[in-house]
Amino acid sequence: MTHTYQTRGICPRRISVELDGETITRVHFEGGCDGNLTGIAKLVQGMNAREVIAKFRGTRCGPRATSCPDQLSQALEQALSQT
């Protein structure tokens, strides 16, 4: 099942995540820096969502209170809560 998360405070508009239980099978960022975000998506594929949340939660982008990895952690938390 695909879970879509509306981002706040970052360049990508949305993040779509697919999980198999707690394992990340796919991540897609809509908008933003394609090279970096494609790399992040490939890096986390096959990982446990809770591990990614623990590593990415609270990551900041310069002066911003959030970042693409932080928003991914929030997208994953939302997806886990809906399964």
N, C-alpha and C. Protein backbone atom coordinates (compact mmCIF):
# COMPACT_ATOMS: atom_id res chain seq x y z
N MET A 1 0.84 -1.17 0.00
CA MET A 1 0.00 0.00 0.00
C MET A 1 0.89 1.25 0.00
N THR A 2 0.52 2.24 -0.78
CA THR A 2 1.27 3.49 -0.85
C THR A 2 0.68 4.50 0.13
N HIS A 3 1.56 5.12 0.90
CA HIS A 3 1.16 6.17 1.84
C HIS A 3 1.75 7.48 1.33
N THR A 4 0.92 8.51 1.23
CA THR A 4 1.37 9.81 0.75
C THR A 4 1.37 10.80 1.89
N TYR A 5 2.47 11.53 2.00
CA TYR A 5 2.66 12.50 3.08
C TYR A 5 2.85 13.89 2.47
N GLN A 6 2.06 14.84 2.90
CA GLN A 6 2.19 16.24 2.48
C GLN A 6 3.28 16.88 3.33
N THR A 7 4.36 17.32 2.69
CA THR A 7 5.51 17.85 3.43
C THR A 7 5.26 19.29 3.88
N ARG A 8 6.09 19.73 4.84
CA ARG A 8 6.05 21.10 5.35
C ARG A 8 7.48 21.61 5.49
N GLY A 9 7.76 22.78 4.91
CA GLY A 9 9.05 23.42 5.13
C GLY A 9 10.23 22.91 4.32
N ILE A 10 9.97 22.08 3.28
CA ILE A 10 11.05 21.58 2.43
C ILE A 10 10.64 21.74 0.97
N CYS A 11 11.58 21.53 0.07
CA CYS A 11 11.32 21.70 -1.36
C CYS A 11 10.32 20.68 -1.95
N PRO A 12 10.48 19.38 -1.68
CA PRO A 12 9.50 18.42 -2.22
C PRO A 12 8.10 18.68 -1.66
N ARG A 13 7.10 18.54 -2.53
CA ARG A 13 5.71 18.78 -2.13
C ARG A 13 5.11 17.60 -1.36
N ARG A 14 5.50 16.40 -1.78
CA ARG A 14 4.94 15.19 -1.18
C ARG A 14 6.00 14.09 -1.15
N ILE A 15 5.80 13.16 -0.22
CA ILE A 15 6.62 11.96 -0.16
C ILE A 15 5.67 10.77 -0.16
N SER A 16 5.93 9.82 -1.07
CA SER A 16 5.15 8.58 -1.10
C SER A 16 6.04 7.45 -0.60
N VAL A 17 5.51 6.65 0.31
CA VAL A 17 6.28 5.52 0.84
C VAL A 17 5.44 4.25 0.74
N GLU A 18 6.11 3.16 0.46
CA GLU A 18 5.47 1.85 0.45
C GLU A 18 6.21 0.97 1.45
N LEU A 19 5.44 0.28 2.26
CA LEU A 19 6.01 -0.60 3.29
C LEU A 19 5.48 -2.01 3.11
N ASP A 20 6.32 -2.97 3.46
CA ASP A 20 5.92 -4.36 3.60
C ASP A 20 6.15 -4.67 5.08
N GLY A 21 5.09 -4.55 5.86
CA GLY A 21 5.24 -4.61 7.31
C GLY A 21 5.96 -3.35 7.75
N GLU A 22 7.17 -3.51 8.31
CA GLU A 22 7.98 -2.36 8.71
C GLU A 22 9.17 -2.15 7.77
N THR A 23 9.21 -2.90 6.67
CA THR A 23 10.31 -2.78 5.72
C THR A 23 9.92 -1.82 4.59
N ILE A 24 10.81 -0.88 4.31
CA ILE A 24 10.56 0.10 3.25
C ILE A 24 10.82 -0.56 1.90
N THR A 25 9.81 -0.56 1.03
CA THR A 25 9.98 -1.14 -0.29
C THR A 25 10.16 -0.08 -1.37
N ARG A 26 9.66 1.14 -1.11
CA ARG A 26 9.78 2.21 -2.10
C ARG A 26 9.58 3.56 -1.44
N VAL A 27 10.35 4.56 -1.86
CA VAL A 27 10.17 5.95 -1.44
C VAL A 27 10.25 6.81 -2.69
N HIS A 28 9.35 7.77 -2.81
CA HIS A 28 9.39 8.71 -3.93
C HIS A 28 9.11 10.11 -3.42
N PHE A 29 10.03 11.03 -3.72
CA PHE A 29 9.86 12.44 -3.38
C PHE A 29 9.33 13.16 -4.62
N GLU A 30 8.28 13.95 -4.46
CA GLU A 30 7.73 14.73 -5.57
C GLU A 30 8.28 16.14 -5.49
N GLY A 31 9.20 16.47 -6.39
CA GLY A 31 9.86 17.77 -6.38
C GLY A 31 11.16 17.68 -5.60
N GLY A 32 11.85 18.80 -5.50
CA GLY A 32 13.10 18.84 -4.74
C GLY A 32 14.30 18.48 -5.58
N CYS A 33 15.42 18.25 -4.94
CA CYS A 33 16.71 17.97 -5.58
C CYS A 33 16.75 16.49 -5.97
N ASP A 34 16.54 16.22 -7.23
CA ASP A 34 16.36 14.84 -7.70
C ASP A 34 17.52 13.93 -7.34
N GLY A 35 18.75 14.38 -7.55
CA GLY A 35 19.90 13.50 -7.28
C GLY A 35 20.00 13.09 -5.83
N ASN A 36 19.93 14.04 -4.93
CA ASN A 36 20.03 13.73 -3.50
C ASN A 36 18.86 12.88 -3.03
N LEU A 37 17.66 13.23 -3.47
CA LEU A 37 16.48 12.52 -2.99
C LEU A 37 16.38 11.12 -3.57
N THR A 38 16.82 10.93 -4.80
CA THR A 38 16.88 9.59 -5.38
C THR A 38 17.87 8.74 -4.59
N GLY A 39 18.99 9.36 -4.21
CA GLY A 39 19.99 8.65 -3.40
C GLY A 39 19.44 8.23 -2.05
N ILE A 40 18.73 9.14 -1.38
CA ILE A 40 18.12 8.81 -0.08
C ILE A 40 17.13 7.67 -0.26
N ALA A 41 16.29 7.75 -1.30
CA ALA A 41 15.28 6.71 -1.54
C ALA A 41 15.94 5.34 -1.75
N LYS A 42 17.03 5.30 -2.51
CA LYS A 42 17.74 4.04 -2.74
C LYS A 42 18.40 3.53 -1.47
N LEU A 43 18.95 4.46 -0.70
CA LEU A 43 19.64 4.09 0.54
C LEU A 43 18.71 3.41 1.53
N VAL A 44 17.48 3.90 1.67
CA VAL A 44 16.58 3.37 2.70
C VAL A 44 15.76 2.17 2.22
N GLN A 45 15.76 1.91 0.92
CA GLN A 45 14.99 0.76 0.41
C GLN A 45 15.52 -0.52 1.04
N GLY A 46 14.62 -1.31 1.58
CA GLY A 46 14.97 -2.57 2.23
C GLY A 46 15.27 -2.43 3.72
N MET A 47 15.32 -1.19 4.21
CA MET A 47 15.61 -0.96 5.63
C MET A 47 14.33 -1.00 6.46
N ASN A 48 14.51 -1.22 7.74
CA ASN A 48 13.39 -1.16 8.68
C ASN A 48 13.01 0.31 8.89
N ALA A 49 11.73 0.60 8.76
CA ALA A 49 11.24 1.98 8.86
C ALA A 49 11.58 2.61 10.20
N ARG A 50 11.51 1.85 11.27
CA ARG A 50 11.79 2.40 12.60
C ARG A 50 13.28 2.79 12.74
N GLU A 51 14.16 2.05 12.10
CA GLU A 51 15.58 2.40 12.12
C GLU A 51 15.82 3.70 11.35
N VAL A 52 15.16 3.86 10.22
CA VAL A 52 15.31 5.08 9.43
C VAL A 52 14.76 6.27 10.21
N ILE A 53 13.62 6.09 10.86
CA ILE A 53 13.04 7.16 11.68
C ILE A 53 14.04 7.59 12.75
N ALA A 54 14.63 6.63 13.43
CA ALA A 54 15.58 6.94 14.51
C ALA A 54 16.81 7.70 13.98
N LYS A 55 17.27 7.36 12.79
CA LYS A 55 18.45 8.01 12.23
C LYS A 55 18.16 9.39 11.64
N PHE A 56 17.00 9.56 11.02
CA PHE A 56 16.70 10.79 10.28
C PHE A 56 15.93 11.83 11.08
N ARG A 57 15.24 11.40 12.12
CA ARG A 57 14.39 12.33 12.91
C ARG A 57 15.22 13.47 13.47
N GLY A 58 14.75 14.69 13.26
CA GLY A 58 15.40 15.87 13.82
C GLY A 58 16.51 16.45 12.97
N THR A 59 16.81 15.85 11.81
CA THR A 59 17.83 16.40 10.91
C THR A 59 17.34 17.74 10.37
N ARG A 60 18.23 18.73 10.42
CA ARG A 60 17.87 20.07 9.96
C ARG A 60 18.57 20.38 8.65
N CYS A 61 18.01 21.32 7.89
CA CYS A 61 18.60 21.80 6.64
C CYS A 61 18.93 23.27 6.84
N GLY A 62 20.19 23.55 7.12
CA GLY A 62 20.60 24.93 7.38
C GLY A 62 19.80 25.50 8.54
N PRO A 63 19.22 26.69 8.36
CA PRO A 63 18.47 27.32 9.44
C PRO A 63 17.04 26.76 9.60
N ARG A 64 16.62 25.91 8.67
CA ARG A 64 15.26 25.36 8.74
C ARG A 64 15.14 24.39 9.91
N ALA A 65 13.96 24.31 10.47
CA ALA A 65 13.72 23.40 11.59
C ALA A 65 13.54 21.96 11.14
N THR A 66 13.53 21.71 9.83
CA THR A 66 13.30 20.38 9.29
C THR A 66 14.18 20.19 8.06
N SER A 67 14.07 19.02 7.43
CA SER A 67 14.84 18.70 6.23
C SER A 67 14.11 17.57 5.50
N CYS A 68 14.61 17.22 4.33
CA CYS A 68 14.02 16.10 3.60
C CYS A 68 14.11 14.80 4.40
N PRO A 69 15.27 14.46 5.01
CA PRO A 69 15.31 13.24 5.82
C PRO A 69 14.36 13.30 7.03
N ASP A 70 14.25 14.46 7.67
CA ASP A 70 13.34 14.61 8.80
C ASP A 70 11.90 14.41 8.36
N GLN A 71 11.54 15.00 7.23
CA GLN A 71 10.18 14.84 6.72
C GLN A 71 9.92 13.38 6.31
N LEU A 72 10.94 12.70 5.78
CA LEU A 72 10.79 11.27 5.48
C LEU A 72 10.51 10.50 6.75
N SER A 73 11.18 10.83 7.83
CA SER A 73 10.92 10.13 9.10
C SER A 73 9.48 10.35 9.54
N GLN A 74 8.96 11.55 9.33
CA GLN A 74 7.57 11.82 9.70
C GLN A 74 6.60 11.09 8.77
N ALA A 75 6.95 11.00 7.48
CA ALA A 75 6.12 10.24 6.54
C ALA A 75 6.06 8.77 6.94
N LEU A 76 7.21 8.23 7.35
CA LEU A 76 7.25 6.82 7.77
C LEU A 76 6.45 6.60 9.05
N GLU A 77 6.55 7.52 9.99
CA GLU A 77 5.75 7.40 11.23
C GLU A 77 4.26 7.40 10.90
N GLN A 78 3.86 8.28 10.00
CA GLN A 78 2.45 8.33 9.61
C GLN A 78 2.03 7.02 8.94
N ALA A 79 2.88 6.51 8.04
CA ALA A 79 2.56 5.25 7.34
C ALA A 79 2.45 4.10 8.32
N LEU A 80 3.36 4.01 9.28
CA LEU A 80 3.30 2.94 10.28
C LEU A 80 2.04 3.03 11.13
N SER A 81 1.60 4.24 11.42
CA SER A 81 0.40 4.41 12.25
C SER A 81 -0.87 4.02 11.49
N GLN A 82 -0.80 3.99 10.17
CA GLN A 82 -1.98 3.68 9.36
C GLN A 82 -2.04 2.21 8.93
N THR A 83 -1.02 1.44 9.32
CA THR A 83 -1.03 0.03 8.91
C THR A 83 -1.54 -0.85 10.02
